[in-house]
Amino acid sequence: MARRNKDNKYVFNPKTLNFDKFTEPLRNRVGRVLLFLLTTFIFALAIVGFIYYFFGSPKEKMQAREIAYLKLQYQILDDKLDGMQTVMDELQERDNNVYRAIFEAEPVPSEVRKSGYSNRDRYEDIYGYKNSDLVLGVATKLDLVASQLYHQSKSYDEVFAMARNKAQMLSCIPAIIPVKESDVRQISSYFGYRTDPIYKVAKYHSGIDFASFVGAEVFASGDGEVVKVESNYWGYGNMITIDHGYGYKTRYAHLSRFAVSKGQKVKRGQLIGYVGTTGKSTGPHLHYEVLKNDANVDPIHFFFNDLSPEEYENILEQASMPSLTMD
C-alpha cells in the first residue's frame, strides 16, 4: 500500500507496520530521462526530415540556385558558339572562294576544316550527370570551333605567303601584247577554229596572229626563263618558248631572228626576237600562244596591261568573227 501527500510518496512497510518514505531508484529516473530524450530526438528528427524532404535546406536551396545559374550560363555559351560557327562558316566560304581563288590555290576541303577530336574518352568525365547532354554539347561545339580556327589560321598563313609572292607572280603572268602597237598592222587571226590559209579547212588555231613586218621587235610578255629556242623549216619555224612559272608558258613563232638563248632569264618587255615569216607562214607575222598548265588558252584574256575596257570589248567582238590564219 502506498500513500502520497502533496510532496512525498510513502509505502507501507509490513515489517515495521509503518509507512516509509519512498525513494525512487536512480536507475529508474535515469531511464525515464533517457526515454524522454530519445523520444524527443526521434520526433525532432522526423520533423527535420520532413522539412528537408519537402522544403529543402538553405544549403540545398543555394546549390539549386547555383546549378540553375550554371545551366543558364551553359545555354548562353551554347548560343554564342552557334553564332561563332556561323561567322566561321562565312570566313571559310570567303577564304575558299575569294582569297584562295585570287591566288589560284586549291580550296581547303570541308572534311579537313570540320574535323574535330575523334577521341571520345576526352569527354568521359562529363557523362553520368543530370545535365550531361548540355555540357557535352557545349564541349563538342567548343572543340569543333577550336579545330576550325586552327585550320583557318593555317590557311591564312598560306594565303599570306602567297600574297608576299603576289608581286613576283604578277610580273610573271603574260600580261602585255608582245609586239609594239605601232608595229602591228592588224590582228589577222584569233584563238579558236579558223580557216587554214593553205588547206582551206577549219582548223584549231591555238594562238593569235599579229600581222607586222619582217624585223619588228618581239618582247617577252612576262618574266620567266627561255626553255626552248628552236628552228624549223615547217610548222612554227623559228620559235621561242618561255616558262613563266605558276603554270604559265608562252610561245613566239615564225621569228626571223633570235635575241635570247636557251636558259636565259628574261623580264617582261625585254627584247627576245624579231618578226619573220619562217615555217608554215603566208606572210610576216608573230604567232603568239599562252599556255596554262600545258593547255592553250585565249591570249586575249591576258592583255589587261595594254587594253582599256572598251578596247577589250572591241577585240572580243572581232575575235568572234570568222578569219583566215597566216600559218
C-alpha atoms as a PDB file:
ATOM      1  CA  MET A   1       0.000   0.000   0.000  1.00  0.00           C
ATOM      2  CA  ALA A   2       1.310   3.417  -0.894  1.00  0.00           C
ATOM      3  CA  ARG A   3       0.200   6.798   0.249  1.00  0.00           C
ATOM      4  CA  ARG A   4       1.050  10.169  -1.322  1.00  0.00           C
ATOM      5  CA  ASN A   5       0.847  13.568   0.188  1.00  0.00           C
ATOM      6  CA  LYS A   6       1.404  16.819  -1.597  1.00  0.00           C
ATOM      7  CA  ASP A   7       5.193  16.495  -1.929  1.00  0.00           C
ATOM      8  CA  ASN A   8       6.165  12.933  -0.970  1.00  0.00           C
ATOM      9  CA  LYS A   9       5.197   9.366  -1.643  1.00  0.00           C
ATOM     10  CA  TYR A  10       5.007   6.769   1.178  1.00  0.00           C
ATOM     11  CA  VAL A  11       4.997   2.985   1.064  1.00  0.00           C
ATOM     12  CA  PHE A  12       3.658   0.631   3.854  1.00  0.00           C
ATOM     13  CA  ASN A  13       6.377  -1.482   5.412  1.00  0.00           C
ATOM     14  CA  PRO A  14       4.904  -4.801   6.633  1.00  0.00           C
ATOM     15  CA  LYS A  15       7.875  -5.487   8.851  1.00  0.00           C
ATOM     16  CA  THR A  16       7.620  -2.314  10.861  1.00  0.00           C
ATOM     17  CA  LEU A  17       3.920  -1.833  10.271  1.00  0.00           C
ATOM     18  CA  ASN A  18       4.674   1.793   9.375  1.00  0.00           C
ATOM     19  CA  PHE A  19       4.585   3.978   6.238  1.00  0.00           C
ATOM     20  CA  ASP A  20       8.097   4.647   4.994  1.00  0.00           C
ATOM     21  CA  LYS A  21       9.055   7.481   2.672  1.00  0.00           C
ATOM     22  CA  PHE A  22       9.514   6.126  -0.889  1.00  0.00           C
ATOM     23  CA  THR A  23      12.707   6.993  -2.715  1.00  0.00           C
ATOM     24  CA  GLU A  24      12.791   6.123  -6.485  1.00  0.00           C
ATOM     25  CA  PRO A  25      15.950   4.342  -7.598  1.00  0.00           C
ATOM     26  CA  LEU A  26      18.408   6.413  -9.635  1.00  0.00           C
ATOM     27  CA  ARG A  27      18.332   3.862 -12.426  1.00  0.00           C
ATOM     28  CA  ASN A  28      14.619   4.406 -12.966  1.00  0.00           C
ATOM     29  CA  ARG A  29      14.985   8.153 -13.050  1.00  0.00           C
ATOM     30  CA  VAL A  30      17.870   7.977 -15.475  1.00  0.00           C
ATOM     31  CA  GLY A  31      15.956   5.565 -17.694  1.00  0.00           C
ATOM     32  CA  ARG A  32      12.943   7.831 -17.715  1.00  0.00           C
ATOM     33  CA  VAL A  33      15.066  10.828 -18.669  1.00  0.00           C
ATOM     34  CA  LEU A  34      16.792   8.902 -21.439  1.00  0.00           C
ATOM     35  CA  LEU A  35      13.478   7.674 -22.793  1.00  0.00           C
ATOM     36  CA  PHE A  36      12.218  11.241 -22.862  1.00  0.00           C
ATOM     37  CA  LEU A  37      15.320  12.482 -24.635  1.00  0.00           C
ATOM     38  CA  LEU A  38      15.193   9.624 -27.150  1.00  0.00           C
ATOM     39  CA  THR A  39      11.568  10.280 -27.902  1.00  0.00           C
ATOM     40  CA  THR A  40      12.235  13.986 -28.307  1.00  0.00           C
ATOM     41  CA  PHE A  41      15.218  13.314 -30.636  1.00  0.00           C
ATOM     42  CA  ILE A  42      13.226  10.948 -32.826  1.00  0.00           C
ATOM     43  CA  PHE A  43      10.370  13.419 -33.049  1.00  0.00           C
ATOM     44  CA  ALA A  44      12.721  16.280 -33.870  1.00  0.00           C
ATOM     45  CA  LEU A  45      14.498  14.172 -36.469  1.00  0.00           C
ATOM     46  CA  ALA A  46      11.201  13.314 -38.101  1.00  0.00           C
ATOM     47  CA  ILE A  47      10.247  16.982 -38.259  1.00  0.00           C
ATOM     48  CA  VAL A  48      13.630  17.986 -39.724  1.00  0.00           C
ATOM     49  CA  GLY A  49      13.494  15.160 -42.276  1.00  0.00           C
ATOM     50  CA  PHE A  50      10.009  16.185 -43.311  1.00  0.00           C
ATOM     51  CA  ILE A  51      11.088  19.797 -43.750  1.00  0.00           C
ATOM     52  CA  TYR A  52      14.263  18.878 -45.700  1.00  0.00           C
ATOM     53  CA  TYR A  53      12.397  16.432 -47.931  1.00  0.00           C
ATOM     54  CA  PHE A  54       9.576  18.743 -48.889  1.00  0.00           C
ATOM     55  CA  PHE A  55      11.179  22.161 -48.487  1.00  0.00           C
ATOM     56  CA  GLY A  56      14.979  21.613 -48.713  1.00  0.00           C
ATOM     57  CA  SER A  57      17.713  23.010 -46.595  1.00  0.00           C
ATOM     58  CA  PRO A  58      19.171  26.512 -47.076  1.00  0.00           C
ATOM     59  CA  LYS A  59      22.365  24.927 -48.405  1.00  0.00           C
ATOM     60  CA  GLU A  60      20.426  22.789 -50.874  1.00  0.00           C
ATOM     61  CA  LYS A  61      18.442  25.816 -51.978  1.00  0.00           C
ATOM     62  CA  MET A  62      21.703  27.703 -52.531  1.00  0.00           C
ATOM     63  CA  GLN A  63      23.160  24.783 -54.510  1.00  0.00           C
ATOM     64  CA  ALA A  64      19.977  24.523 -56.593  1.00  0.00           C
ATOM     65  CA  ARG A  65      20.237  28.222 -57.446  1.00  0.00           C
ATOM     66  CA  GLU A  66      23.895  27.779 -58.403  1.00  0.00           C
ATOM     67  CA  ILE A  67      23.045  24.794 -60.613  1.00  0.00           C
ATOM     68  CA  ALA A  68      20.250  26.759 -62.316  1.00  0.00           C
ATOM     69  CA  TYR A  69      22.646  29.687 -62.870  1.00  0.00           C
ATOM     70  CA  LEU A  70      25.358  27.425 -64.321  1.00  0.00           C
ATOM     71  CA  LYS A  71      22.799  25.755 -66.587  1.00  0.00           C
ATOM     72  CA  LEU A  72      21.725  29.181 -67.850  1.00  0.00           C
ATOM     73  CA  GLN A  73      25.355  30.140 -68.500  1.00  0.00           C
ATOM     74  CA  TYR A  74      25.917  26.915 -70.462  1.00  0.00           C
ATOM     75  CA  GLN A  75      22.822  27.642 -72.557  1.00  0.00           C
ATOM     76  CA  ILE A  76      24.078  31.182 -73.251  1.00  0.00           C
ATOM     77  CA  LEU A  77      27.503  29.769 -74.165  1.00  0.00           C
ATOM     78  CA  ASP A  78      25.830  27.244 -76.455  1.00  0.00           C
ATOM     79  CA  ASP A  79      24.010  30.060 -78.276  1.00  0.00           C
ATOM     80  CA  LYS A  80      27.243  32.067 -78.591  1.00  0.00           C
ATOM     81  CA  LEU A  81      29.029  29.036 -80.053  1.00  0.00           C
ATOM     82  CA  ASP A  82      26.252  28.734 -82.657  1.00  0.00           C
ATOM     83  CA  GLY A  83      26.860  32.379 -83.562  1.00  0.00           C
ATOM     84  CA  MET A  84      30.626  31.792 -83.752  1.00  0.00           C
ATOM     85  CA  GLN A  85      30.031  28.792 -86.024  1.00  0.00           C
ATOM     86  CA  THR A  86      28.004  30.983 -88.381  1.00  0.00           C
ATOM     87  CA  VAL A  87      30.835  33.533 -88.533  1.00  0.00           C
ATOM     88  CA  MET A  88      33.357  30.712 -89.021  1.00  0.00           C
ATOM     89  CA  ASP A  89      31.331  29.310 -91.937  1.00  0.00           C
ATOM     90  CA  GLU A  90      31.368  32.750 -93.584  1.00  0.00           C
ATOM     91  CA  LEU A  91      35.143  33.079 -93.094  1.00  0.00           C
ATOM     92  CA  GLN A  92      35.711  29.640 -94.600  1.00  0.00           C
ATOM     93  CA  GLU A  93      33.452  30.445 -97.573  1.00  0.00           C
ATOM     94  CA  ARG A  94      35.289  33.735 -98.210  1.00  0.00           C
ATOM     95  CA  ASP A  95      38.669  32.073 -97.766  1.00  0.00           C
ATOM     96  CA  ASN A  96      37.944  29.303-100.288  1.00  0.00           C
ATOM     97  CA  ASN A  97      36.057  31.331-102.894  1.00  0.00           C
ATOM     98  CA  VAL A  98      37.795  34.718-102.662  1.00  0.00           C
ATOM     99  CA  TYR A  99      41.229  34.738-101.057  1.00  0.00           C
ATOM    100  CA  ARG A 100      42.454  31.349-102.267  1.00  0.00           C
ATOM    101  CA  ALA A 101      40.735  31.830-105.633  1.00  0.00           C
ATOM    102  CA  ILE A 102      42.683  35.066-106.212  1.00  0.00           C
ATOM    103  CA  PHE A 103      45.946  33.156-105.917  1.00  0.00           C
ATOM    104  CA  GLU A 104      44.595  30.104-107.801  1.00  0.00           C
ATOM    105  CA  ALA A 105      45.118  27.946-104.716  1.00  0.00           C
ATOM    106  CA  GLU A 106      43.099  24.809-104.070  1.00  0.00           C
ATOM    107  CA  PRO A 107      40.302  25.317-101.508  1.00  0.00           C
ATOM    108  CA  VAL A 108      40.655  23.608 -98.135  1.00  0.00           C
ATOM    109  CA  PRO A 109      38.334  20.543 -98.168  1.00  0.00           C
ATOM    110  CA  SER A 110      35.301  20.709 -95.885  1.00  0.00           C
ATOM    111  CA  GLU A 111      36.196  17.401 -94.225  1.00  0.00           C
ATOM    112  CA  VAL A 112      39.545  18.907 -93.207  1.00  0.00           C
ATOM    113  CA  ARG A 113      38.069  22.164 -91.932  1.00  0.00           C
ATOM    114  CA  LYS A 114      35.368  20.436 -89.881  1.00  0.00           C
ATOM    115  CA  SER A 115      37.491  17.634 -88.478  1.00  0.00           C
ATOM    116  CA  GLY A 116      37.141  17.695 -84.695  1.00  0.00           C
ATOM    117  CA  TYR A 117      38.544  15.478 -81.973  1.00  0.00           C
ATOM    118  CA  SER A 118      37.926  11.779 -82.629  1.00  0.00           C
ATOM    119  CA  ASN A 119      38.936  10.668 -79.106  1.00  0.00           C
ATOM    120  CA  ARG A 120      35.635  10.343 -77.242  1.00  0.00           C
ATOM    121  CA  ASP A 121      37.457   9.485 -74.000  1.00  0.00           C
ATOM    122  CA  ARG A 122      38.204  13.184 -73.573  1.00  0.00           C
ATOM    123  CA  TYR A 123      34.521  13.596 -72.588  1.00  0.00           C
ATOM    124  CA  GLU A 124      34.259  10.625 -70.228  1.00  0.00           C
ATOM    125  CA  ASP A 125      34.200  12.857 -67.112  1.00  0.00           C
ATOM    126  CA  ILE A 126      31.094  14.606 -68.427  1.00  0.00           C
ATOM    127  CA  TYR A 127      28.833  11.555 -68.656  1.00  0.00           C
ATOM    128  CA  GLY A 128      26.522  10.369 -65.867  1.00  0.00           C
ATOM    129  CA  TYR A 129      25.085  13.680 -64.668  1.00  0.00           C
ATOM    130  CA  LYS A 130      21.659  15.255 -64.936  1.00  0.00           C
ATOM    131  CA  ASN A 131      22.830  17.934 -67.373  1.00  0.00           C
ATOM    132  CA  SER A 132      25.483  15.834 -69.157  1.00  0.00           C
ATOM    133  CA  ASP A 133      23.867  16.318 -72.588  1.00  0.00           C
ATOM    134  CA  LEU A 134      24.012  20.108 -72.312  1.00  0.00           C
ATOM    135  CA  VAL A 135      27.618  20.159 -71.089  1.00  0.00           C
ATOM    136  CA  LEU A 136      28.690  17.560 -73.699  1.00  0.00           C
ATOM    137  CA  GLY A 137      27.063  19.569 -76.492  1.00  0.00           C
ATOM    138  CA  VAL A 138      28.869  22.755 -75.472  1.00  0.00           C
ATOM    139  CA  ALA A 139      32.210  20.947 -75.081  1.00  0.00           C
ATOM    140  CA  THR A 140      31.861  19.319 -78.525  1.00  0.00           C
ATOM    141  CA  LYS A 141      30.979  22.620 -80.228  1.00  0.00           C
ATOM    142  CA  LEU A 142      33.855  24.390 -78.495  1.00  0.00           C
ATOM    143  CA  ASP A 143      36.323  21.728 -79.639  1.00  0.00           C
ATOM    144  CA  LEU A 144      34.966  21.910 -83.203  1.00  0.00           C
ATOM    145  CA  VAL A 145      35.297  25.701 -83.344  1.00  0.00           C
ATOM    146  CA  ALA A 146      38.831  25.452 -81.913  1.00  0.00           C
ATOM    147  CA  SER A 147      39.765  22.905 -84.591  1.00  0.00           C
ATOM    148  CA  GLN A 148      38.301  25.078 -87.360  1.00  0.00           C
ATOM    149  CA  LEU A 149      40.167  28.115 -86.055  1.00  0.00           C
ATOM    150  CA  TYR A 150      43.397  26.133 -86.237  1.00  0.00           C
ATOM    151  CA  HIS A 151      42.813  25.097 -89.863  1.00  0.00           C
ATOM    152  CA  GLN A 152      41.670  28.621 -90.778  1.00  0.00           C
ATOM    153  CA  SER A 153      44.831  30.050 -89.236  1.00  0.00           C
ATOM    154  CA  LYS A 154      46.949  27.664 -91.314  1.00  0.00           C
ATOM    155  CA  SER A 155      45.020  28.654 -94.447  1.00  0.00           C
ATOM    156  CA  TYR A 156      45.583  32.357 -93.744  1.00  0.00           C
ATOM    157  CA  ASP A 157      49.304  31.650 -93.278  1.00  0.00           C
ATOM    158  CA  GLU A 158      49.338  30.080 -96.745  1.00  0.00           C
ATOM    159  CA  VAL A 159      47.385  32.995 -98.252  1.00  0.00           C
ATOM    160  CA  PHE A 160      49.750  35.462 -96.577  1.00  0.00           C
ATOM    161  CA  ALA A 161      52.748  33.639 -98.047  1.00  0.00           C
ATOM    162  CA  MET A 162      51.110  33.722-101.479  1.00  0.00           C
ATOM    163  CA  ALA A 163      50.330  37.425-101.046  1.00  0.00           C
ATOM    164  CA  ARG A 164      54.000  38.155-100.345  1.00  0.00           C
ATOM    165  CA  ASN A 165      54.818  36.456-103.669  1.00  0.00           C
ATOM    166  CA  LYS A 166      51.948  38.200-105.450  1.00  0.00           C
ATOM    167  CA  ALA A 167      54.172  40.886-106.960  1.00  0.00           C
ATOM    168  CA  GLN A 168      56.501  38.248-108.341  1.00  0.00           C
ATOM    169  CA  MET A 169      53.578  36.215-109.664  1.00  0.00           C
ATOM    170  CA  LEU A 170      52.008  39.254-111.328  1.00  0.00           C
ATOM    171  CA  SER A 171      55.292  40.096-113.028  1.00  0.00           C
ATOM    172  CA  CYS A 172      55.476  36.552-114.394  1.00  0.00           C
ATOM    173  CA  ILE A 173      51.943  36.294-115.764  1.00  0.00           C
ATOM    174  CA  PRO A 174      51.972  37.105-119.525  1.00  0.00           C
ATOM    175  CA  ALA A 175      50.092  40.398-119.464  1.00  0.00           C
ATOM    176  CA  ILE A 176      51.222  42.550-122.425  1.00  0.00           C
ATOM    177  CA  ILE A 177      50.972  42.408-126.192  1.00  0.00           C
ATOM    178  CA  PRO A 178      54.366  41.046-127.344  1.00  0.00           C
ATOM    179  CA  VAL A 179      54.682  43.459-130.300  1.00  0.00           C
ATOM    180  CA  LYS A 180      54.662  47.265-130.293  1.00  0.00           C
ATOM    181  CA  GLU A 181      51.226  48.601-131.133  1.00  0.00           C
ATOM    182  CA  SER A 182      52.793  50.784-133.819  1.00  0.00           C
ATOM    183  CA  ASP A 183      54.310  47.698-135.460  1.00  0.00           C
ATOM    184  CA  VAL A 184      51.039  45.741-135.588  1.00  0.00           C
ATOM    185  CA  ARG A 185      49.158  46.155-138.865  1.00  0.00           C
ATOM    186  CA  GLN A 186      46.281  44.100-137.597  1.00  0.00           C
ATOM    187  CA  ILE A 187      45.393  41.001-135.609  1.00  0.00           C
ATOM    188  CA  SER A 188      44.929  38.755-138.603  1.00  0.00           C
ATOM    189  CA  SER A 189      43.635  35.709-136.743  1.00  0.00           C
ATOM    190  CA  TYR A 190      42.283  34.972-133.306  1.00  0.00           C
ATOM    191  CA  PHE A 191      42.136  31.964-130.984  1.00  0.00           C
ATOM    192  CA  GLY A 192      39.847  29.039-131.869  1.00  0.00           C
ATOM    193  CA  TYR A 193      38.758  27.292-135.052  1.00  0.00           C
ATOM    194  CA  ARG A 194      39.821  29.269-138.130  1.00  0.00           C
ATOM    195  CA  THR A 195      40.236  28.631-141.851  1.00  0.00           C
ATOM    196  CA  ASP A 196      43.692  27.302-142.726  1.00  0.00           C
ATOM    197  CA  PRO A 197      45.274  29.537-145.452  1.00  0.00           C
ATOM    198  CA  ILE A 198      46.825  26.583-147.296  1.00  0.00           C
ATOM    199  CA  TYR A 199      44.419  23.680-146.758  1.00  0.00           C
ATOM    200  CA  LYS A 200      41.272  25.897-146.760  1.00  0.00           C
ATOM    201  CA  VAL A 201      39.621  23.889-143.993  1.00  0.00           C
ATOM    202  CA  ALA A 202      38.651  24.832-140.440  1.00  0.00           C
ATOM    203  CA  LYS A 203      41.490  24.005-138.064  1.00  0.00           C
ATOM    204  CA  TYR A 204      42.125  24.749-134.426  1.00  0.00           C
ATOM    205  CA  HIS A 205      44.242  27.886-134.081  1.00  0.00           C
ATOM    206  CA  SER A 206      45.985  27.779-130.710  1.00  0.00           C
ATOM    207  CA  GLY A 207      47.063  31.421-130.531  1.00  0.00           C
ATOM    208  CA  ILE A 208      46.821  34.904-132.063  1.00  0.00           C
ATOM    209  CA  ASP A 209      48.486  36.138-135.254  1.00  0.00           C
ATOM    210  CA  PHE A 210      49.859  39.706-135.214  1.00  0.00           C
ATOM    211  CA  ALA A 211      50.414  40.816-138.808  1.00  0.00           C
ATOM    212  CA  SER A 212      53.559  43.002-138.952  1.00  0.00           C
ATOM    213  CA  PHE A 213      56.753  43.382-140.988  1.00  0.00           C
ATOM    214  CA  VAL A 214      59.969  41.394-141.002  1.00  0.00           C
ATOM    215  CA  GLY A 215      62.313  42.690-138.329  1.00  0.00           C
ATOM    216  CA  ALA A 216      59.653  44.133-135.992  1.00  0.00           C
ATOM    217  CA  GLU A 217      60.724  43.666-132.373  1.00  0.00           C
ATOM    218  CA  VAL A 218      59.131  40.915-130.255  1.00  0.00           C
ATOM    219  CA  PHE A 219      59.076  41.219-126.469  1.00  0.00           C
ATOM    220  CA  ALA A 220      58.590  38.798-123.584  1.00  0.00           C
ATOM    221  CA  SER A 221      55.070  39.225-122.195  1.00  0.00           C
ATOM    222  CA  GLY A 222      56.149  38.291-118.645  1.00  0.00           C
ATOM    223  CA  ASP A 223      59.168  37.427-116.504  1.00  0.00           C
ATOM    224  CA  GLY A 224      60.473  33.897-116.967  1.00  0.00           C
ATOM    225  CA  GLU A 225      63.110  31.597-118.368  1.00  0.00           C
ATOM    226  CA  VAL A 226      63.685  30.734-122.019  1.00  0.00           C
ATOM    227  CA  VAL A 227      63.243  26.958-122.202  1.00  0.00           C
ATOM    228  CA  LYS A 228      63.235  26.490-125.998  1.00  0.00           C
ATOM    229  CA  VAL A 229      64.928  28.256-128.887  1.00  0.00           C
ATOM    230  CA  GLU A 230      64.357  26.121-131.989  1.00  0.00           C
ATOM    231  CA  SER A 231      64.422  26.482-135.740  1.00  0.00           C
ATOM    232  CA  ASN A 232      62.272  24.542-138.230  1.00  0.00           C
ATOM    233  CA  TYR A 233      61.599  24.805-141.954  1.00  0.00           C
ATOM    234  CA  TRP A 234      57.912  23.993-141.450  1.00  0.00           C
ATOM    235  CA  GLY A 235      55.338  24.384-138.735  1.00  0.00           C
ATOM    236  CA  TYR A 236      56.210  27.177-136.313  1.00  0.00           C
ATOM    237  CA  GLY A 237      59.539  27.940-137.963  1.00  0.00           C
ATOM    238  CA  ASN A 238      61.858  29.817-135.622  1.00  0.00           C
ATOM    239  CA  MET A 239      60.175  29.671-132.208  1.00  0.00           C
ATOM    240  CA  ILE A 240      60.897  30.698-128.616  1.00  0.00           C
ATOM    241  CA  THR A 241      59.162  29.187-125.566  1.00  0.00           C
ATOM    242  CA  ILE A 242      59.307  30.952-122.192  1.00  0.00           C
ATOM    243  CA  ASP A 243      58.369  29.285-118.919  1.00  0.00           C
ATOM    244  CA  HIS A 244      56.938  31.952-116.583  1.00  0.00           C
ATOM    245  CA  GLY A 245      56.296  29.649-113.629  1.00  0.00           C
ATOM    246  CA  TYR A 246      52.966  29.353-111.834  1.00  0.00           C
ATOM    247  CA  GLY A 247      51.836  27.046-114.658  1.00  0.00           C
ATOM    248  CA  TYR A 248      52.231  29.670-117.441  1.00  0.00           C
ATOM    249  CA  LYS A 249      54.198  29.365-120.700  1.00  0.00           C
ATOM    250  CA  THR A 250      54.250  31.470-123.873  1.00  0.00           C
ATOM    251  CA  ARG A 251      55.308  30.698-127.441  1.00  0.00           C
ATOM    252  CA  TYR A 252      56.566  33.143-130.107  1.00  0.00           C
ATOM    253  CA  ALA A 253      56.632  31.599-133.583  1.00  0.00           C
ATOM    254  CA  HIS A 254      57.712  32.380-137.183  1.00  0.00           C
ATOM    255  CA  LEU A 255      60.552  34.632-135.985  1.00  0.00           C
ATOM    256  CA  SER A 256      63.232  35.878-138.380  1.00  0.00           C
ATOM    257  CA  ARG A 257      65.947  36.080-135.700  1.00  0.00           C
ATOM    258  CA  PHE A 258      66.522  35.346-132.018  1.00  0.00           C
ATOM    259  CA  ALA A 259      67.738  37.821-129.396  1.00  0.00           C
ATOM    260  CA  VAL A 260      67.950  35.342-126.491  1.00  0.00           C
ATOM    261  CA  SER A 261      69.297  31.875-125.875  1.00  0.00           C
ATOM    262  CA  LYS A 262      68.006  28.798-124.067  1.00  0.00           C
ATOM    263  CA  GLY A 263      68.276  29.018-120.279  1.00  0.00           C
ATOM    264  CA  GLN A 264      68.345  32.813-120.248  1.00  0.00           C
ATOM    265  CA  LYS A 265      66.264  34.720-117.676  1.00  0.00           C
ATOM    266  CA  VAL A 266      64.099  37.432-119.205  1.00  0.00           C
ATOM    267  CA  LYS A 267      61.932  40.264-117.897  1.00  0.00           C
ATOM    268  CA  ARG A 268      58.550  41.466-119.135  1.00  0.00           C
ATOM    269  CA  GLY A 269      59.076  43.831-122.062  1.00  0.00           C
ATOM    270  CA  GLN A 270      62.590  42.501-122.825  1.00  0.00           C
ATOM    271  CA  LEU A 271      63.508  42.052-126.497  1.00  0.00           C
ATOM    272  CA  ILE A 272      63.645  38.317-127.355  1.00  0.00           C
ATOM    273  CA  GLY A 273      63.445  38.219-131.176  1.00  0.00           C
ATOM    274  CA  TYR A 274      62.157  39.692-134.415  1.00  0.00           C
ATOM    275  CA  VAL A 275      59.061  39.113-136.515  1.00  0.00           C
ATOM    276  CA  GLY A 276      59.577  36.938-139.576  1.00  0.00           C
ATOM    277  CA  THR A 277      57.766  34.540-141.890  1.00  0.00           C
ATOM    278  CA  THR A 278      59.640  31.289-141.249  1.00  0.00           C
ATOM    279  CA  GLY A 279      57.986  27.879-141.207  1.00  0.00           C
ATOM    280  CA  LYS A 280      54.407  27.427-142.421  1.00  0.00           C
ATOM    281  CA  SER A 281      53.554  31.094-142.955  1.00  0.00           C
ATOM    282  CA  THR A 282      51.836  33.144-145.646  1.00  0.00           C
ATOM    283  CA  GLY A 283      53.326  36.469-144.597  1.00  0.00           C
ATOM    284  CA  PRO A 284      55.274  38.332-141.904  1.00  0.00           C
ATOM    285  CA  HIS A 285      53.545  37.905-138.579  1.00  0.00           C
ATOM    286  CA  LEU A 286      54.023  36.758-134.999  1.00  0.00           C
ATOM    287  CA  HIS A 287      52.094  33.691-133.881  1.00  0.00           C
ATOM    288  CA  TYR A 288      51.675  34.097-130.109  1.00  0.00           C
ATOM    289  CA  GLU A 289      50.390  31.450-127.666  1.00  0.00           C
ATOM    290  CA  VAL A 290      49.648  31.350-123.943  1.00  0.00           C
ATOM    291  CA  LEU A 291      49.543  28.017-122.117  1.00  0.00           C
ATOM    292  CA  LYS A 292      48.224  27.393-118.623  1.00  0.00           C
ATOM    293  CA  ASN A 293      49.231  24.017-117.167  1.00  0.00           C
ATOM    294  CA  ASP A 294      50.252  22.958-120.684  1.00  0.00           C
ATOM    295  CA  ALA A 295      46.804  23.703-122.141  1.00  0.00           C
ATOM    296  CA  ASN A 296      46.321  26.515-124.661  1.00  0.00           C
ATOM    297  CA  VAL A 297      44.163  29.423-123.518  1.00  0.00           C
ATOM    298  CA  ASP A 298      42.982  32.530-125.346  1.00  0.00           C
ATOM    299  CA  PRO A 299      45.772  35.181-125.167  1.00  0.00           C
ATOM    300  CA  ILE A 300      43.203  37.976-125.416  1.00  0.00           C
ATOM    301  CA  HIS A 301      42.296  37.485-121.767  1.00  0.00           C
ATOM    302  CA  PHE A 302      45.901  38.301-120.760  1.00  0.00           C
ATOM    303  CA  PHE A 303      46.235  41.698-122.414  1.00  0.00           C
ATOM    304  CA  PHE A 304      44.852  43.545-119.379  1.00  0.00           C
ATOM    305  CA  ASN A 305      48.010  45.706-119.072  1.00  0.00           C
ATOM    306  CA  ASP A 306      47.625  47.095-122.606  1.00  0.00           C
ATOM    307  CA  LEU A 307      43.873  47.282-123.281  1.00  0.00           C
ATOM    308  CA  SER A 308      41.214  49.587-121.901  1.00  0.00           C
ATOM    309  CA  PRO A 309      37.794  48.037-121.148  1.00  0.00           C
ATOM    310  CA  GLU A 310      36.443  49.486-124.413  1.00  0.00           C
ATOM    311  CA  GLU A 311      39.358  48.098-126.433  1.00  0.00           C
ATOM    312  CA  TYR A 312      38.971  44.734-124.739  1.00  0.00           C
ATOM    313  CA  GLU A 313      35.265  44.584-125.656  1.00  0.00           C
ATOM    314  CA  ASN A 314      36.068  45.592-129.222  1.00  0.00           C
ATOM    315  CA  ILE A 315      38.781  42.944-129.628  1.00  0.00           C
ATOM    316  CA  LEU A 316      36.449  40.276-128.226  1.00  0.00           C
ATOM    317  CA  GLU A 317      33.871  41.244-130.824  1.00  0.00           C
ATOM    318  CA  GLN A 318      36.453  40.975-133.598  1.00  0.00           C
ATOM    319  CA  ALA A 319      37.611  37.602-132.272  1.00  0.00           C
ATOM    320  CA  SER A 320      34.089  36.233-132.726  1.00  0.00           C
ATOM    321  CA  MET A 321      34.213  36.969-136.453  1.00  0.00           C
ATOM    322  CA  PRO A 322      35.481  34.321-138.934  1.00  0.00           C
ATOM    323  CA  SER A 323      39.033  34.900-140.139  1.00  0.00           C
ATOM    324  CA  LEU A 324      41.861  33.341-142.139  1.00  0.00           C
ATOM    325  CA  THR A 325      45.030  32.348-140.285  1.00  0.00           C
ATOM    326  CA  MET A 326      48.502  33.206-141.555  1.00  0.00           C
ATOM    327  CA  ASP A 327      50.046  29.845-140.554  1.00  0.00           C
END
